[in-house]
Amino acid sequence: YEKSSIGKITVKDITDTCGISRQTYYRHFQDKQDLVIGILKNLNESFEHMGTGKTIYEALINKLTFIQKEKLFFTAAFKNDDQTT
């Protein structure tokens, strides 16, 4: 799924890959967009704590390095134009 856009990935793909039931998935998320929003909120919270006690430059480098490591996620999340799936 690394090369698929979020719009092409199904909830079944997600649950199969994660080894969870659809019921478990829907207990936590309404749909795929809700999952992406949850991930982005988590990233935002991580960003708030990243670089604590360091210079602004070091904190920025840490954040950009994290984005680079998670490039596949960010690429898929931001290239998805389909807001209904």
N, C-alpha and C. Protein backbone atom coordinates (compact mmCIF):
# COMPACT_ATOMS: atom_id res chain seq x y z
N TYR A 1 0.81 -1.20 0.00
CA TYR A 1 0.00 0.00 0.00
C TYR A 1 0.85 1.26 0.00
N GLU A 2 2.16 1.12 0.03
CA GLU A 2 3.03 2.29 0.12
C GLU A 2 2.83 3.25 -1.03
N LYS A 3 2.41 2.77 -2.20
CA LYS A 3 2.28 3.64 -3.35
C LYS A 3 0.83 4.01 -3.64
N SER A 4 -0.10 3.57 -2.79
CA SER A 4 -1.51 3.87 -2.99
C SER A 4 -1.87 5.19 -2.31
N SER A 5 -2.82 5.90 -2.93
CA SER A 5 -3.34 7.08 -2.26
C SER A 5 -4.35 6.62 -1.23
N ILE A 6 -4.64 7.46 -0.27
CA ILE A 6 -5.60 7.10 0.78
C ILE A 6 -6.96 6.79 0.16
N GLY A 7 -7.33 7.49 -0.90
CA GLY A 7 -8.60 7.25 -1.55
C GLY A 7 -8.74 5.85 -2.11
N LYS A 8 -7.63 5.20 -2.44
CA LYS A 8 -7.66 3.85 -3.01
C LYS A 8 -7.56 2.76 -1.96
N ILE A 9 -7.20 3.12 -0.74
CA ILE A 9 -7.07 2.14 0.34
C ILE A 9 -8.44 2.02 1.02
N THR A 10 -8.88 0.79 1.22
CA THR A 10 -10.17 0.57 1.86
C THR A 10 -10.00 0.35 3.36
N VAL A 11 -11.11 0.48 4.08
CA VAL A 11 -11.07 0.17 5.51
C VAL A 11 -10.69 -1.29 5.70
N LYS A 12 -11.14 -2.17 4.81
CA LYS A 12 -10.76 -3.58 4.88
C LYS A 12 -9.25 -3.74 4.74
N ASP A 13 -8.64 -2.98 3.82
CA ASP A 13 -7.18 -3.02 3.68
C ASP A 13 -6.51 -2.64 5.00
N ILE A 14 -7.02 -1.61 5.63
CA ILE A 14 -6.44 -1.12 6.88
C ILE A 14 -6.60 -2.17 7.98
N THR A 15 -7.82 -2.70 8.12
CA THR A 15 -8.06 -3.67 9.20
C THR A 15 -7.28 -4.97 8.97
N ASP A 16 -7.20 -5.41 7.72
CA ASP A 16 -6.42 -6.62 7.41
C ASP A 16 -4.94 -6.41 7.72
N THR A 17 -4.41 -5.28 7.30
CA THR A 17 -2.99 -4.98 7.53
C THR A 17 -2.68 -4.86 9.02
N CYS A 18 -3.60 -4.26 9.77
CA CYS A 18 -3.37 -4.05 11.20
C CYS A 18 -3.77 -5.26 12.05
N GLY A 19 -4.49 -6.21 11.43
CA GLY A 19 -4.92 -7.38 12.18
C GLY A 19 -6.01 -7.08 13.19
N ILE A 20 -6.91 -6.14 12.85
CA ILE A 20 -8.02 -5.81 13.74
C ILE A 20 -9.34 -6.01 12.99
N SER A 21 -10.42 -6.09 13.73
CA SER A 21 -11.73 -6.25 13.11
C SER A 21 -12.27 -4.89 12.67
N ARG A 22 -13.23 -4.93 11.76
CA ARG A 22 -13.91 -3.68 11.34
C ARG A 22 -14.60 -3.04 12.53
N GLN A 23 -15.15 -3.87 13.42
CA GLN A 23 -15.82 -3.35 14.61
C GLN A 23 -14.84 -2.54 15.47
N THR A 24 -13.65 -3.06 15.66
CA THR A 24 -12.63 -2.33 16.42
C THR A 24 -12.28 -1.02 15.73
N TYR A 25 -12.10 -1.09 14.41
CA TYR A 25 -11.78 0.13 13.65
C TYR A 25 -12.85 1.19 13.86
N TYR A 26 -14.11 0.81 13.65
CA TYR A 26 -15.21 1.77 13.75
C TYR A 26 -15.51 2.19 15.18
N ARG A 27 -15.00 1.47 16.15
CA ARG A 27 -15.12 1.91 17.54
C ARG A 27 -14.26 3.15 17.77
N HIS A 28 -13.20 3.30 16.99
CA HIS A 28 -12.26 4.40 17.17
C HIS A 28 -12.37 5.48 16.09
N PHE A 29 -12.79 5.11 14.89
CA PHE A 29 -12.82 6.05 13.77
C PHE A 29 -14.13 5.95 13.00
N GLN A 30 -14.64 7.10 12.54
CA GLN A 30 -15.87 7.10 11.75
C GLN A 30 -15.62 6.65 10.32
N ASP A 31 -14.47 7.06 9.76
CA ASP A 31 -14.11 6.74 8.38
C ASP A 31 -12.62 6.96 8.21
N LYS A 32 -12.14 6.87 6.97
CA LYS A 32 -10.69 7.04 6.72
C LYS A 32 -10.22 8.45 7.04
N GLN A 33 -11.05 9.45 6.73
CA GLN A 33 -10.65 10.83 7.01
C GLN A 33 -10.48 11.03 8.52
N ASP A 34 -11.35 10.41 9.30
CA ASP A 34 -11.25 10.51 10.75
C ASP A 34 -9.94 9.89 11.23
N LEU A 35 -9.53 8.79 10.61
CA LEU A 35 -8.25 8.17 10.93
C LEU A 35 -7.09 9.12 10.61
N VAL A 36 -7.12 9.71 9.42
CA VAL A 36 -6.05 10.64 9.02
C VAL A 36 -6.01 11.84 9.95
N ILE A 37 -7.17 12.38 10.29
CA ILE A 37 -7.23 13.52 11.22
C ILE A 37 -6.65 13.12 12.57
N GLY A 38 -6.97 11.91 13.04
CA GLY A 38 -6.42 11.43 14.29
C GLY A 38 -4.90 11.33 14.24
N ILE A 39 -4.38 10.83 13.14
CA ILE A 39 -2.93 10.73 12.98
C ILE A 39 -2.30 12.12 12.96
N LEU A 40 -2.91 13.04 12.23
CA LEU A 40 -2.36 14.41 12.17
C LEU A 40 -2.41 15.10 13.53
N LYS A 41 -3.48 14.88 14.29
CA LYS A 41 -3.54 15.45 15.64
C LYS A 41 -2.44 14.88 16.52
N ASN A 42 -2.22 13.57 16.39
CA ASN A 42 -1.14 12.92 17.13
C ASN A 42 0.21 13.52 16.75
N LEU A 43 0.42 13.73 15.45
CA LEU A 43 1.67 14.33 14.99
C LEU A 43 1.83 15.73 15.55
N ASN A 44 0.72 16.50 15.56
CA ASN A 44 0.78 17.86 16.08
C ASN A 44 1.19 17.85 17.55
N GLU A 45 0.60 16.94 18.33
CA GLU A 45 0.98 16.83 19.74
C GLU A 45 2.45 16.45 19.88
N SER A 46 2.92 15.55 19.02
CA SER A 46 4.33 15.17 19.04
C SER A 46 5.21 16.37 18.72
N PHE A 47 4.76 17.17 17.74
CA PHE A 47 5.53 18.35 17.36
C PHE A 47 5.63 19.33 18.52
N GLU A 48 4.56 19.44 19.30
CA GLU A 48 4.59 20.37 20.42
C GLU A 48 5.66 19.99 21.44
N HIS A 49 5.89 18.68 21.59
CA HIS A 49 6.86 18.21 22.57
C HIS A 49 8.25 18.02 21.98
N MET A 50 8.34 17.97 20.67
CA MET A 50 9.61 17.75 20.01
C MET A 50 10.50 18.98 20.16
N GLY A 51 11.69 18.79 20.56
CA GLY A 51 12.63 19.90 20.65
C GLY A 51 12.56 20.65 21.95
N THR A 52 11.87 20.15 22.94
CA THR A 52 11.79 20.81 24.23
C THR A 52 13.20 20.95 24.81
N GLY A 53 13.52 22.17 25.23
CA GLY A 53 14.82 22.41 25.84
C GLY A 53 15.95 22.58 24.84
N LYS A 54 15.63 22.64 23.54
CA LYS A 54 16.65 22.81 22.51
C LYS A 54 16.48 24.16 21.84
N THR A 55 17.39 24.48 20.99
CA THR A 55 17.26 25.73 20.24
C THR A 55 16.15 25.58 19.20
N ILE A 56 15.67 26.69 18.69
CA ILE A 56 14.64 26.66 17.65
C ILE A 56 15.16 25.92 16.43
N TYR A 57 16.40 26.13 16.08
CA TYR A 57 17.00 25.45 14.93
C TYR A 57 16.97 23.94 15.12
N GLU A 58 17.40 23.45 16.30
CA GLU A 58 17.42 22.02 16.56
C GLU A 58 16.00 21.43 16.54
N ALA A 59 15.04 22.16 17.11
CA ALA A 59 13.66 21.69 17.12
C ALA A 59 13.13 21.59 15.69
N LEU A 60 13.43 22.57 14.85
CA LEU A 60 12.98 22.56 13.45
C LEU A 60 13.61 21.39 12.70
N ILE A 61 14.88 21.16 12.90
CA ILE A 61 15.57 20.02 12.26
C ILE A 61 14.90 18.71 12.68
N ASN A 62 14.59 18.56 13.98
CA ASN A 62 13.91 17.34 14.46
C ASN A 62 12.57 17.15 13.77
N LYS A 63 11.80 18.22 13.64
CA LYS A 63 10.48 18.14 13.01
C LYS A 63 10.60 17.78 11.53
N LEU A 64 11.51 18.43 10.83
CA LEU A 64 11.68 18.15 9.40
C LEU A 64 12.23 16.75 9.17
N THR A 65 13.09 16.28 10.04
CA THR A 65 13.60 14.92 9.94
C THR A 65 12.46 13.92 10.13
N PHE A 66 11.58 14.20 11.08
CA PHE A 66 10.43 13.33 11.30
C PHE A 66 9.55 13.28 10.06
N ILE A 67 9.27 14.43 9.46
CA ILE A 67 8.45 14.47 8.25
C ILE A 67 9.11 13.68 7.14
N GLN A 68 10.41 13.81 7.01
CA GLN A 68 11.13 13.07 5.98
C GLN A 68 11.01 11.56 6.21
N LYS A 69 11.13 11.12 7.47
CA LYS A 69 11.01 9.69 7.78
C LYS A 69 9.60 9.17 7.47
N GLU A 70 8.61 10.02 7.66
CA GLU A 70 7.21 9.63 7.45
C GLU A 70 6.70 10.13 6.10
N LYS A 71 7.59 10.25 5.14
CA LYS A 71 7.26 10.79 3.82
C LYS A 71 6.10 10.06 3.15
N LEU A 72 6.07 8.74 3.24
CA LEU A 72 4.99 7.98 2.60
C LEU A 72 3.63 8.40 3.13
N PHE A 73 3.52 8.54 4.45
CA PHE A 73 2.24 8.95 5.03
C PHE A 73 1.86 10.34 4.55
N PHE A 74 2.77 11.29 4.67
CA PHE A 74 2.45 12.66 4.29
C PHE A 74 2.13 12.78 2.81
N THR A 75 2.83 12.06 1.97
CA THR A 75 2.56 12.09 0.53
C THR A 75 1.16 11.58 0.25
N ALA A 76 0.81 10.44 0.85
CA ALA A 76 -0.53 9.88 0.63
C ALA A 76 -1.62 10.76 1.22
N ALA A 77 -1.38 11.29 2.40
CA ALA A 77 -2.40 12.10 3.07
C ALA A 77 -2.70 13.38 2.30
N PHE A 78 -1.69 14.00 1.74
CA PHE A 78 -1.91 15.29 1.11
C PHE A 78 -2.19 15.22 -0.38
N LYS A 79 -2.04 14.04 -0.99
CA LYS A 79 -2.39 13.95 -2.41
C LYS A 79 -3.80 13.43 -2.61
N ASN A 80 -4.47 13.04 -1.54
CA ASN A 80 -5.83 12.52 -1.62
C ASN A 80 -6.80 13.67 -1.87
N ASP A 81 -7.43 13.67 -3.03
CA ASP A 81 -8.40 14.72 -3.36
C ASP A 81 -9.83 14.28 -3.06
N ASP A 82 -10.04 13.01 -2.83
CA ASP A 82 -11.39 12.47 -2.61
C ASP A 82 -11.75 12.62 -1.13
N GLN A 83 -12.66 13.52 -0.82
CA GLN A 83 -13.04 13.78 0.56
C GLN A 83 -14.20 12.91 1.03
N THR A 84 -14.72 12.03 0.17
CA THR A 84 -15.89 11.26 0.56
C THR A 84 -15.59 9.81 0.90
N THR A 85 -14.36 9.32 0.67
CA THR A 85 -14.08 7.91 0.92
C THR A 85 -13.44 7.71 2.26
